[in-house]
Amino acid sequence: MASVELNGAAIVDEAAFHAESRRAFGFPETYTDSIDAWVDCMSYLRDEENMTRFRLKENETLQIVILDAGKMQAQAPELFEEIAYCVGGINERYEDYGEKPALELVLR
C-alpha cells in the first residue's frame, strides 16, 4: 500500500492545505489550488495522467495520513470536514467505474 503524510499542524487554512498537498502529492505545475483541482488530481491515481507522483496498481490504495490531525481540525474545522467528504466522493468515483476505492484517510 502506498502512503503519504500531510502535516496537519501546518494546515491552518485552504492555502496551507494546497501548499502541503502540492508538496506531498507532487501535483503538476498546472494545479490551481482549489478543492475541485485536488479532487480531479486524486481521481487519476490509477491512470497514466501523471496528476500526482503516485501511480497505483489495480486495487491498490493510497493511504493519506494526516499527522497532528487534531490540530488541523481545530485550526480549519470546515476544511477538515470537506477533505474527509472529498475522499469519500473520490472513492465513490472509483467504485462507479467498477474499481475498488483508491484512498484511505488515516488521522494521527
PDB file of N, CA and C in Angstrom:
ATOM      1  N   MET A   1       0.843  -1.178   0.000  1.00  0.00           N
ATOM      2  CA  MET A   1       0.000   0.000   0.000  1.00  0.00           C
ATOM      3  C   MET A   1       0.888   1.241   0.000  1.00  0.00           C
ATOM      4  N   ALA A   2       0.568   2.159  -0.880  1.00  0.00           N
ATOM      5  CA  ALA A   2       1.285   3.432  -0.923  1.00  0.00           C
ATOM      6  C   ALA A   2       0.791   4.315   0.220  1.00  0.00           C
ATOM      7  N   SER A   3       1.660   5.201   0.675  1.00  0.00           N
ATOM      8  CA  SER A   3       1.305   6.070   1.793  1.00  0.00           C
ATOM      9  C   SER A   3       1.936   7.443   1.600  1.00  0.00           C
ATOM     10  N   VAL A   4       1.214   8.459   2.066  1.00  0.00           N
ATOM     11  CA  VAL A   4       1.710   9.828   2.014  1.00  0.00           C
ATOM     12  C   VAL A   4       1.284  10.515   3.308  1.00  0.00           C
ATOM     13  N   GLU A   5       2.122  11.414   3.797  1.00  0.00           N
ATOM     14  CA  GLU A   5       1.813  12.126   5.037  1.00  0.00           C
ATOM     15  C   GLU A   5       1.602  13.614   4.761  1.00  0.00           C
ATOM     16  N   LEU A   6       0.553  14.150   5.376  1.00  0.00           N
ATOM     17  CA  LEU A   6       0.308  15.585   5.388  1.00  0.00           C
ATOM     18  C   LEU A   6       0.538  16.092   6.798  1.00  0.00           C
ATOM     19  N   ASN A   7       1.185  17.223   6.934  1.00  0.00           N
ATOM     20  CA  ASN A   7       1.441  17.825   8.235  1.00  0.00           C
ATOM     21  C   ASN A   7       0.223  18.637   8.646  1.00  0.00           C
ATOM     22  N   GLY A   8      -0.653  18.035   9.432  1.00  0.00           N
ATOM     23  CA  GLY A   8      -1.879  18.702   9.856  1.00  0.00           C
ATOM     24  C   GLY A   8      -1.634  19.962  10.660  1.00  0.00           C
ATOM     25  N   ALA A   9      -0.551  20.019  11.407  1.00  0.00           N
ATOM     26  CA  ALA A   9      -0.244  21.212  12.205  1.00  0.00           C
ATOM     27  C   ALA A   9       0.024  22.419  11.316  1.00  0.00           C
ATOM     28  N   ALA A  10       0.507  22.185  10.104  1.00  0.00           N
ATOM     29  CA  ALA A  10       0.812  23.276   9.175  1.00  0.00           C
ATOM     30  C   ALA A  10      -0.405  23.734   8.383  1.00  0.00           C
ATOM     31  N   ILE A  11      -1.475  22.944   8.443  1.00  0.00           N
ATOM     32  CA  ILE A  11      -2.664  23.267   7.651  1.00  0.00           C
ATOM     33  C   ILE A  11      -3.616  24.110   8.491  1.00  0.00           C
ATOM     34  N   VAL A  12      -3.479  25.417   8.313  1.00  0.00           N
ATOM     35  CA  VAL A  12      -4.290  26.371   9.088  1.00  0.00           C
ATOM     36  C   VAL A  12      -5.415  26.971   8.257  1.00  0.00           C
ATOM     37  N   ASP A  13      -5.333  26.811   6.930  1.00  0.00           N
ATOM     38  CA  ASP A  13      -6.358  27.332   6.033  1.00  0.00           C
ATOM     39  C   ASP A  13      -6.238  26.604   4.696  1.00  0.00           C
ATOM     40  N   GLU A  14      -7.091  26.972   3.750  1.00  0.00           N
ATOM     41  CA  GLU A  14      -7.095  26.279   2.464  1.00  0.00           C
ATOM     42  C   GLU A  14      -5.789  26.482   1.699  1.00  0.00           C
ATOM     43  N   ALA A  15      -5.211  27.681   1.758  1.00  0.00           N
ATOM     44  CA  ALA A  15      -3.946  27.932   1.058  1.00  0.00           C
ATOM     45  C   ALA A  15      -2.845  27.016   1.589  1.00  0.00           C
ATOM     46  N   ALA A  16      -2.780  26.852   2.901  1.00  0.00           N
ATOM     47  CA  ALA A  16      -1.772  25.976   3.508  1.00  0.00           C
ATOM     48  C   ALA A  16      -2.033  24.511   3.136  1.00  0.00           C
ATOM     49  N   PHE A  17      -3.301  24.135   3.051  1.00  0.00           N
ATOM     50  CA  PHE A  17      -3.642  22.766   2.640  1.00  0.00           C
ATOM     51  C   PHE A  17      -3.123  22.482   1.229  1.00  0.00           C
ATOM     52  N   HIS A  18      -3.343  23.425   0.326  1.00  0.00           N
ATOM     53  CA  HIS A  18      -2.905  23.204  -1.051  1.00  0.00           C
ATOM     54  C   HIS A  18      -1.376  23.200  -1.161  1.00  0.00           C
ATOM     55  N   ALA A  19      -0.712  24.037  -0.402  1.00  0.00           N
ATOM     56  CA  ALA A  19       0.752  24.034  -0.393  1.00  0.00           C
ATOM     57  C   ALA A  19       1.276  22.683   0.120  1.00  0.00           C
ATOM     58  N   GLU A  20       0.675  22.196   1.186  1.00  0.00           N
ATOM     59  CA  GLU A  20       1.077  20.905   1.751  1.00  0.00           C
ATOM     60  C   GLU A  20       0.751  19.769   0.781  1.00  0.00           C
ATOM     61  N   SER A  21      -0.389  19.854   0.120  1.00  0.00           N
ATOM     62  CA  SER A  21      -0.781  18.826  -0.850  1.00  0.00           C
ATOM     63  C   SER A  21       0.154  18.822  -2.054  1.00  0.00           C
ATOM     64  N   ARG A  22       0.520  20.007  -2.551  1.00  0.00           N
ATOM     65  CA  ARG A  22       1.449  20.082  -3.672  1.00  0.00           C
ATOM     66  C   ARG A  22       2.761  19.386  -3.315  1.00  0.00           C
ATOM     67  N   ARG A  23       3.239  19.656  -2.105  1.00  0.00           N
ATOM     68  CA  ARG A  23       4.488  19.049  -1.643  1.00  0.00           C
ATOM     69  C   ARG A  23       4.352  17.535  -1.533  1.00  0.00           C
ATOM     70  N   ALA A  24       3.307  17.085  -0.889  1.00  0.00           N
ATOM     71  CA  ALA A  24       3.155  15.666  -0.582  1.00  0.00           C
ATOM     72  C   ALA A  24       2.780  14.817  -1.798  1.00  0.00           C
ATOM     73  N   PHE A  25       1.873  15.323  -2.617  1.00  0.00           N
ATOM     74  CA  PHE A  25       1.358  14.526  -3.728  1.00  0.00           C
ATOM     75  C   PHE A  25       2.106  14.755  -5.039  1.00  0.00           C
ATOM     76  N   GLY A  26       2.876  15.826  -5.117  1.00  0.00           N
ATOM     77  CA  GLY A  26       3.596  16.106  -6.356  1.00  0.00           C
ATOM     78  C   GLY A  26       2.674  16.490  -7.491  1.00  0.00           C
ATOM     79  N   PHE A  27       1.696  17.326  -7.204  1.00  0.00           N
ATOM     80  CA  PHE A  27       0.756  17.767  -8.230  1.00  0.00           C
ATOM     81  C   PHE A  27       1.486  18.503  -9.354  1.00  0.00           C
ATOM     82  N   PRO A  28       0.900  18.516 -10.546  1.00  0.00           N
ATOM     83  CA  PRO A  28       1.559  19.191 -11.679  1.00  0.00           C
ATOM     84  C   PRO A  28       1.576  20.705 -11.512  1.00  0.00           C
ATOM     85  N   GLU A  29       2.409  21.356 -12.277  1.00  0.00           N
ATOM     86  CA  GLU A  29       2.530  22.817 -12.235  1.00  0.00           C
ATOM     87  C   GLU A  29       1.191  23.504 -12.508  1.00  0.00           C
ATOM     88  N   THR A  30       0.317  22.845 -13.236  1.00  0.00           N
ATOM     89  CA  THR A  30      -0.973  23.428 -13.607  1.00  0.00           C
ATOM     90  C   THR A  30      -2.009  23.362 -12.489  1.00  0.00           C
ATOM     91  N   TYR A  31      -1.646  22.755 -11.365  1.00  0.00           N
ATOM     92  CA  TYR A  31      -2.569  22.640 -10.225  1.00  0.00           C
ATOM     93  C   TYR A  31      -2.994  24.033  -9.780  1.00  0.00           C
ATOM     94  N   THR A  32      -4.308  24.231  -9.590  1.00  0.00           N
ATOM     95  CA  THR A  32      -4.852  25.578  -9.367  1.00  0.00           C
ATOM     96  C   THR A  32      -5.229  25.915  -7.929  1.00  0.00           C
ATOM     97  N   ASP A  33      -4.801  25.167  -6.963  1.00  0.00           N
ATOM     98  CA  ASP A  33      -5.077  25.461  -5.552  1.00  0.00           C
ATOM     99  C   ASP A  33      -6.572  25.613  -5.269  1.00  0.00           C
ATOM    100  N   SER A  34      -7.335  24.636  -5.707  1.00  0.00           N
ATOM    101  CA  SER A  34      -8.761  24.609  -5.401  1.00  0.00           C
ATOM    102  C   SER A  34      -9.143  23.184  -5.007  1.00  0.00           C
ATOM    103  N   ILE A  35     -10.221  23.064  -4.271  1.00  0.00           N
ATOM    104  CA  ILE A  35     -10.698  21.732  -3.878  1.00  0.00           C
ATOM    105  C   ILE A  35     -11.076  20.931  -5.116  1.00  0.00           C
ATOM    106  N   ASP A  36     -11.681  21.579  -6.110  1.00  0.00           N
ATOM    107  CA  ASP A  36     -12.029  20.870  -7.342  1.00  0.00           C
ATOM    108  C   ASP A  36     -10.790  20.297  -8.018  1.00  0.00           C
ATOM    109  N   ALA A  37      -9.704  21.063  -8.066  1.00  0.00           N
ATOM    110  CA  ALA A  37      -8.459  20.583  -8.667  1.00  0.00           C
ATOM    111  C   ALA A  37      -7.883  19.427  -7.854  1.00  0.00           C
ATOM    112  N   TRP A  38      -7.973  19.511  -6.530  1.00  0.00           N
ATOM    113  CA  TRP A  38      -7.490  18.438  -5.659  1.00  0.00           C
ATOM    114  C   TRP A  38      -8.240  17.143  -5.959  1.00  0.00           C
ATOM    115  N   VAL A  39      -9.570  17.252  -6.039  1.00  0.00           N
ATOM    116  CA  VAL A  39     -10.395  16.077  -6.341  1.00  0.00           C
ATOM    117  C   VAL A  39     -10.038  15.518  -7.716  1.00  0.00           C
ATOM    118  N   ASP A  40      -9.878  16.389  -8.685  1.00  0.00           N
ATOM    119  CA  ASP A  40      -9.525  15.930 -10.031  1.00  0.00           C
ATOM    120  C   ASP A  40      -8.198  15.175 -10.030  1.00  0.00           C
ATOM    121  N   CYS A  41      -7.190  15.742  -9.404  1.00  0.00           N
ATOM    122  CA  CYS A  41      -5.877  15.079  -9.361  1.00  0.00           C
ATOM    123  C   CYS A  41      -5.959  13.727  -8.663  1.00  0.00           C
ATOM    124  N   MET A  42      -6.698  13.655  -7.582  1.00  0.00           N
ATOM    125  CA  MET A  42      -6.788  12.417  -6.816  1.00  0.00           C
ATOM    126  C   MET A  42      -7.669  11.367  -7.498  1.00  0.00           C
ATOM    127  N   SER A  43      -8.389  11.776  -8.525  1.00  0.00           N
ATOM    128  CA  SER A  43      -9.250  10.855  -9.262  1.00  0.00           C
ATOM    129  C   SER A  43      -8.506  10.110 -10.365  1.00  0.00           C
ATOM    130  N   TYR A  44      -7.224  10.409 -10.558  1.00  0.00           N
ATOM    131  CA  TYR A  44      -6.433   9.793 -11.619  1.00  0.00           C
ATOM    132  C   TYR A  44      -5.255   8.978 -11.079  1.00  0.00           C
ATOM    133  N   LEU A  45      -5.397   8.428  -9.908  1.00  0.00           N
ATOM    134  CA  LEU A  45      -4.283   7.715  -9.273  1.00  0.00           C
ATOM    135  C   LEU A  45      -3.917   6.412  -9.977  1.00  0.00           C
ATOM    136  N   ARG A  46      -4.854   5.836 -10.708  1.00  0.00           N
ATOM    137  CA  ARG A  46      -4.576   4.570 -11.405  1.00  0.00           C
ATOM    138  C   ARG A  46      -4.419   4.760 -12.912  1.00  0.00           C
ATOM    139  N   ASP A  47      -4.378   5.987 -13.354  1.00  0.00           N
ATOM    140  CA  ASP A  47      -4.258   6.284 -14.776  1.00  0.00           C
ATOM    141  C   ASP A  47      -2.855   6.791 -15.093  1.00  0.00           C
ATOM    142  N   GLU A  48      -2.587   6.959 -16.354  1.00  0.00           N
ATOM    143  CA  GLU A  48      -1.284   7.442 -16.802  1.00  0.00           C
ATOM    144  C   GLU A  48      -1.264   8.951 -16.990  1.00  0.00           C
ATOM    145  N   GLU A  49      -2.101   9.659 -16.292  1.00  0.00           N
ATOM    146  CA  GLU A  49      -2.227  11.103 -16.468  1.00  0.00           C
ATOM    147  C   GLU A  49      -1.135  11.898 -15.755  1.00  0.00           C
ATOM    148  N   ASN A  50      -0.405  11.271 -14.826  1.00  0.00           N
ATOM    149  CA  ASN A  50       0.659  11.938 -14.064  1.00  0.00           C
ATOM    150  C   ASN A  50       0.140  13.158 -13.299  1.00  0.00           C
ATOM    151  N   MET A  51      -1.015  13.009 -12.669  1.00  0.00           N
ATOM    152  CA  MET A  51      -1.597  14.099 -11.891  1.00  0.00           C
ATOM    153  C   MET A  51      -1.020  14.158 -10.477  1.00  0.00           C
ATOM    154  N   THR A  52      -0.366  13.087 -10.049  1.00  0.00           N
ATOM    155  CA  THR A  52       0.344  13.043  -8.768  1.00  0.00           C
ATOM    156  C   THR A  52       1.633  12.257  -8.992  1.00  0.00           C
ATOM    157  N   ARG A  53       2.450  12.205  -7.961  1.00  0.00           N
ATOM    158  CA  ARG A  53       3.675  11.392  -8.067  1.00  0.00           C
ATOM    159  C   ARG A  53       3.372   9.911  -7.843  1.00  0.00           C
ATOM    160  N   PHE A  54       2.116   9.604  -7.534  1.00  0.00           N
ATOM    161  CA  PHE A  54       1.706   8.222  -7.279  1.00  0.00           C
ATOM    162  C   PHE A  54       1.035   7.630  -8.509  1.00  0.00           C
ATOM    163  N   ARG A  55       1.321   6.383  -8.752  1.00  0.00           N
ATOM    164  CA  ARG A  55       0.637   5.610  -9.796  1.00  0.00           C
ATOM    165  C   ARG A  55       0.273   4.285  -9.155  1.00  0.00           C
ATOM    166  N   LEU A  56      -0.996   4.168  -8.784  1.00  0.00           N
ATOM    167  CA  LEU A  56      -1.454   2.978  -8.086  1.00  0.00           C
ATOM    168  C   LEU A  56      -1.725   1.842  -9.062  1.00  0.00           C
ATOM    169  N   LYS A  57      -1.461   0.643  -8.594  1.00  0.00           N
ATOM    170  CA  LYS A  57      -1.802  -0.551  -9.351  1.00  0.00           C
ATOM    171  C   LYS A  57      -3.288  -0.840  -9.160  1.00  0.00           C
ATOM    172  N   GLU A  58      -3.804  -1.738  -9.945  1.00  0.00           N
ATOM    173  CA  GLU A  58      -5.200  -2.134  -9.823  1.00  0.00           C
ATOM    174  C   GLU A  58      -5.473  -2.578  -8.388  1.00  0.00           C
ATOM    175  N   ASN A  59      -6.505  -2.038  -7.791  1.00  0.00           N
ATOM    176  CA  ASN A  59      -6.954  -2.353  -6.425  1.00  0.00           C
ATOM    177  C   ASN A  59      -6.016  -1.870  -5.325  1.00  0.00           C
ATOM    178  N   GLU A  60      -4.917  -1.192  -5.665  1.00  0.00           N
ATOM    179  CA  GLU A  60      -4.032  -0.638  -4.641  1.00  0.00           C
ATOM    180  C   GLU A  60      -4.669   0.614  -4.036  1.00  0.00           C
ATOM    181  N   THR A  61      -4.338   0.883  -2.796  1.00  0.00           N
ATOM    182  CA  THR A  61      -4.883   2.025  -2.062  1.00  0.00           C
ATOM    183  C   THR A  61      -3.759   2.978  -1.683  1.00  0.00           C
ATOM    184  N   LEU A  62      -4.052   4.265  -1.744  1.00  0.00           N
ATOM    185  CA  LEU A  62      -3.143   5.288  -1.238  1.00  0.00           C
ATOM    186  C   LEU A  62      -3.639   5.704   0.135  1.00  0.00           C
ATOM    187  N   GLN A  63      -2.818   5.499   1.126  1.00  0.00           N
ATOM    188  CA  GLN A  63      -3.147   5.880   2.496  1.00  0.00           C
ATOM    189  C   GLN A  63      -2.685   7.322   2.705  1.00  0.00           C
ATOM    190  N   ILE A  64      -3.644   8.206   2.990  1.00  0.00           N
ATOM    191  CA  ILE A  64      -3.323   9.602   3.281  1.00  0.00           C
ATOM    192  C   ILE A  64      -3.321   9.752   4.799  1.00  0.00           C
ATOM    193  N   VAL A  65      -2.155   9.941   5.361  1.00  0.00           N
ATOM    194  CA  VAL A  65      -2.004  10.069   6.809  1.00  0.00           C
ATOM    195  C   VAL A  65      -1.904  11.557   7.144  1.00  0.00           C
ATOM    196  N   ILE A  66      -2.833  12.034   7.934  1.00  0.00           N
ATOM    197  CA  ILE A  66      -2.758  13.417   8.398  1.00  0.00           C
ATOM    198  C   ILE A  66      -2.176  13.387   9.806  1.00  0.00           C
ATOM    199  N   LEU A  67      -0.922  13.811   9.905  1.00  0.00           N
ATOM    200  CA  LEU A  67      -0.255  13.905  11.204  1.00  0.00           C
ATOM    201  C   LEU A  67      -0.802  15.130  11.939  1.00  0.00           C
ATOM    202  N   ASP A  68      -0.889  15.060  13.244  1.00  0.00           N
ATOM    203  CA  ASP A  68      -1.460  16.152  14.039  1.00  0.00           C
ATOM    204  C   ASP A  68      -2.840  16.544  13.521  1.00  0.00           C
ATOM    205  N   ALA A  69      -3.643  15.534  13.225  1.00  0.00           N
ATOM    206  CA  ALA A  69      -4.983  15.765  12.675  1.00  0.00           C
ATOM    207  C   ALA A  69      -5.847  16.608  13.611  1.00  0.00           C
ATOM    208  N   GLY A  70      -5.668  16.449  14.900  1.00  0.00           N
ATOM    209  CA  GLY A  70      -6.430  17.241  15.860  1.00  0.00           C
ATOM    210  C   GLY A  70      -6.141  18.726  15.730  1.00  0.00           C
ATOM    211  N   LYS A  71      -4.889  19.071  15.461  1.00  0.00           N
ATOM    212  CA  LYS A  71      -4.530  20.476  15.256  1.00  0.00           C
ATOM    213  C   LYS A  71      -5.175  21.024  13.997  1.00  0.00           C
ATOM    214  N   MET A  72      -5.134  20.235  12.924  1.00  0.00           N
ATOM    215  CA  MET A  72      -5.782  20.688  11.696  1.00  0.00           C
ATOM    216  C   MET A  72      -7.273  20.884  11.922  1.00  0.00           C
ATOM    217  N   GLN A  73      -7.889  19.937  12.596  1.00  0.00           N
ATOM    218  CA  GLN A  73      -9.328  20.029  12.847  1.00  0.00           C
ATOM    219  C   GLN A  73      -9.664  21.264  13.669  1.00  0.00           C
ATOM    220  N   ALA A  74      -8.820  21.611  14.634  1.00  0.00           N
ATOM    221  CA  ALA A  74      -9.048  22.791  15.464  1.00  0.00           C
ATOM    222  C   ALA A  74      -8.810  24.083  14.687  1.00  0.00           C
ATOM    223  N   GLN A  75      -7.805  24.082  13.810  1.00  0.00           N
ATOM    224  CA  GLN A  75      -7.419  25.287  13.076  1.00  0.00           C
ATOM    225  C   GLN A  75      -8.292  25.545  11.853  1.00  0.00           C
ATOM    226  N   ALA A  76      -8.756  24.479  11.236  1.00  0.00           N
ATOM    227  CA  ALA A  76      -9.536  24.606   9.998  1.00  0.00           C
ATOM    228  C   ALA A  76     -10.636  23.546   9.970  1.00  0.00           C
ATOM    229  N   PRO A  77     -11.605  23.647  10.886  1.00  0.00           N
ATOM    230  CA  PRO A  77     -12.603  22.576  11.015  1.00  0.00           C
ATOM    231  C   PRO A  77     -13.434  22.335   9.752  1.00  0.00           C
ATOM    232  N   GLU A  78     -13.827  23.387   9.059  1.00  0.00           N
ATOM    233  CA  GLU A  78     -14.635  23.202   7.849  1.00  0.00           C
ATOM    234  C   GLU A  78     -13.831  22.526   6.746  1.00  0.00           C
ATOM    235  N   LEU A  79     -12.577  22.911   6.598  1.00  0.00           N
ATOM    236  CA  LEU A  79     -11.708  22.293   5.603  1.00  0.00           C
ATOM    237  C   LEU A  79     -11.470  20.828   5.952  1.00  0.00           C
ATOM    238  N   PHE A  80     -11.260  20.544   7.223  1.00  0.00           N
ATOM    239  CA  PHE A  80     -11.043  19.179   7.689  1.00  0.00           C
ATOM    240  C   PHE A  80     -12.223  18.294   7.275  1.00  0.00           C
ATOM    241  N   GLU A  81     -13.435  18.774   7.513  1.00  0.00           N
ATOM    242  CA  GLU A  81     -14.634  18.018   7.143  1.00  0.00           C
ATOM    243  C   GLU A  81     -14.749  17.885   5.626  1.00  0.00           C
ATOM    244  N   GLU A  82     -14.414  18.945   4.893  1.00  0.00           N
ATOM    245  CA  GLU A  82     -14.516  18.914   3.436  1.00  0.00           C
ATOM    246  C   GLU A  82     -13.562  17.889   2.831  1.00  0.00           C
ATOM    247  N   ILE A  83     -12.370  17.794   3.379  1.00  0.00           N
ATOM    248  CA  ILE A  83     -11.399  16.827   2.859  1.00  0.00           C
ATOM    249  C   ILE A  83     -11.900  15.401   3.082  1.00  0.00           C
ATOM    250  N   ALA A  84     -12.424  15.130   4.260  1.00  0.00           N
ATOM    251  CA  ALA A  84     -12.975  13.793   4.529  1.00  0.00           C
ATOM    252  C   ALA A  84     -14.135  13.494   3.575  1.00  0.00           C
ATOM    253  N   TYR A  85     -14.971  14.487   3.331  1.00  0.00           N
ATOM    254  CA  TYR A  85     -16.091  14.332   2.408  1.00  0.00           C
ATOM    255  C   TYR A  85     -15.573  14.059   0.989  1.00  0.00           C
ATOM    256  N   CYS A  86     -14.555  14.796   0.569  1.00  0.00           N
ATOM    257  CA  CYS A  86     -13.985  14.630  -0.771  1.00  0.00           C
ATOM    258  C   CYS A  86     -13.360  13.252  -0.950  1.00  0.00           C
ATOM    259  N   VAL A  87     -12.675  12.756   0.061  1.00  0.00           N
ATOM    260  CA  VAL A  87     -12.085  11.414  -0.020  1.00  0.00           C
ATOM    261  C   VAL A  87     -13.187  10.388  -0.256  1.00  0.00           C
ATOM    262  N   GLY A  88     -14.299  10.525   0.464  1.00  0.00           N
ATOM    263  CA  GLY A  88     -15.433   9.624   0.250  1.00  0.00           C
ATOM    264  C   GLY A  88     -15.987   9.727  -1.162  1.00  0.00           C
ATOM    265  N   GLY A  89     -16.101  10.948  -1.664  1.00  0.00           N
ATOM    266  CA  GLY A  89     -16.608  11.160  -3.014  1.00  0.00           C
ATOM    267  C   GLY A  89     -15.685  10.606  -4.081  1.00  0.00           C
ATOM    268  N   ILE A  90     -14.393  10.772  -3.877  1.00  0.00           N
ATOM    269  CA  ILE A  90     -13.412  10.229  -4.822  1.00  0.00           C
ATOM    270  C   ILE A  90     -13.505   8.704  -4.857  1.00  0.00           C
ATOM    271  N   ASN A  91     -13.621   8.099  -3.691  1.00  0.00           N
ATOM    272  CA  ASN A  91     -13.753   6.643  -3.642  1.00  0.00           C
ATOM    273  C   ASN A  91     -15.023   6.184  -4.347  1.00  0.00           C
ATOM    274  N   GLU A  92     -16.090   6.961  -4.238  1.00  0.00           N
ATOM    275  CA  GLU A  92     -17.318   6.625  -4.964  1.00  0.00           C
ATOM    276  C   GLU A  92     -17.099   6.690  -6.467  1.00  0.00           C
ATOM    277  N   ARG A  93     -16.318   7.652  -6.922  1.00  0.00           N
ATOM    278  CA  ARG A  93     -15.988   7.746  -8.353  1.00  0.00           C
ATOM    279  C   ARG A  93     -15.307   6.468  -8.826  1.00  0.00           C
ATOM    280  N   TYR A  94     -14.331   6.018  -8.049  1.00  0.00           N
ATOM    281  CA  TYR A  94     -13.635   4.784  -8.416  1.00  0.00           C
ATOM    282  C   TYR A  94     -14.614   3.613  -8.468  1.00  0.00           C
ATOM    283  N   GLU A  95     -15.493   3.529  -7.477  1.00  0.00           N
ATOM    284  CA  GLU A  95     -16.475   2.446  -7.453  1.00  0.00           C
ATOM    285  C   GLU A  95     -17.426   2.531  -8.637  1.00  0.00           C
ATOM    286  N   ASP A  96     -17.804   3.746  -9.034  1.00  0.00           N
ATOM    287  CA  ASP A  96     -18.681   3.929 -10.198  1.00  0.00           C
ATOM    288  C   ASP A  96     -18.055   3.371 -11.470  1.00  0.00           C
ATOM    289  N   TYR A  97     -16.731   3.357 -11.525  1.00  0.00           N
ATOM    290  CA  TYR A  97     -16.017   2.817 -12.677  1.00  0.00           C
ATOM    291  C   TYR A  97     -15.649   1.345 -12.496  1.00  0.00           C
ATOM    292  N   GLY A  98     -16.246   0.726 -11.474  1.00  0.00           N
ATOM    293  CA  GLY A  98     -16.028  -0.696 -11.247  1.00  0.00           C
ATOM    294  C   GLY A  98     -14.717  -1.020 -10.560  1.00  0.00           C
ATOM    295  N   GLU A  99     -14.087  -0.026  -9.951  1.00  0.00           N
ATOM    296  CA  GLU A  99     -12.814  -0.233  -9.261  1.00  0.00           C
ATOM    297  C   GLU A  99     -13.025  -0.169  -7.748  1.00  0.00           C
ATOM    298  N   LYS A 100     -12.050  -0.677  -7.039  1.00  0.00           N
ATOM    299  CA  LYS A 100     -12.073  -0.556  -5.585  1.00  0.00           C
ATOM    300  C   LYS A 100     -11.681   0.864  -5.188  1.00  0.00           C
ATOM    301  N   PRO A 101     -12.124   1.321  -4.014  1.00  0.00           N
ATOM    302  CA  PRO A 101     -11.719   2.654  -3.555  1.00  0.00           C
ATOM    303  C   PRO A 101     -10.197   2.790  -3.559  1.00  0.00           C
ATOM    304  N   ALA A 102      -9.719   4.000  -3.874  1.00  0.00           N
ATOM    305  CA  ALA A 102      -8.285   4.222  -4.001  1.00  0.00           C
ATOM    306  C   ALA A 102      -7.677   4.925  -2.805  1.00  0.00           C
ATOM    307  N   LEU A 103      -8.502   5.518  -1.944  1.00  0.00           N
ATOM    308  CA  LEU A 103      -7.979   6.329  -0.845  1.00  0.00           C
ATOM    309  C   LEU A 103      -8.415   5.814   0.511  1.00  0.00           C
ATOM    310  N   GLU A 104      -7.513   5.930   1.461  1.00  0.00           N
ATOM    311  CA  GLU A 104      -7.820   5.659   2.864  1.00  0.00           C
ATOM    312  C   GLU A 104      -7.282   6.832   3.670  1.00  0.00           C
ATOM    313  N   LEU A 105      -8.146   7.459   4.430  1.00  0.00           N
ATOM    314  CA  LEU A 105      -7.755   8.601   5.257  1.00  0.00           C
ATOM    315  C   LEU A 105      -7.450   8.095   6.657  1.00  0.00           C
ATOM    316  N   VAL A 106      -6.228   8.396   7.126  1.00  0.00           N
ATOM    317  CA  VAL A 106      -5.787   7.968   8.455  1.00  0.00           C
ATOM    318  C   VAL A 106      -5.457   9.219   9.256  1.00  0.00           C
ATOM    319  N   LEU A 107      -6.064   9.351  10.417  1.00  0.00           N
ATOM    320  CA  LEU A 107      -5.855  10.523  11.265  1.00  0.00           C
ATOM    321  C   LEU A 107      -4.976  10.145  12.444  1.00  0.00           C
ATOM    322  N   ARG A 108      -3.904  10.881  12.612  1.00  0.00           N
ATOM    323  CA  ARG A 108      -2.990  10.618  13.741  1.00  0.00           C
ATOM    324  C   ARG A 108      -2.762  11.879  14.521  1.00  0.00           C
TER     325      ARG A 108
END
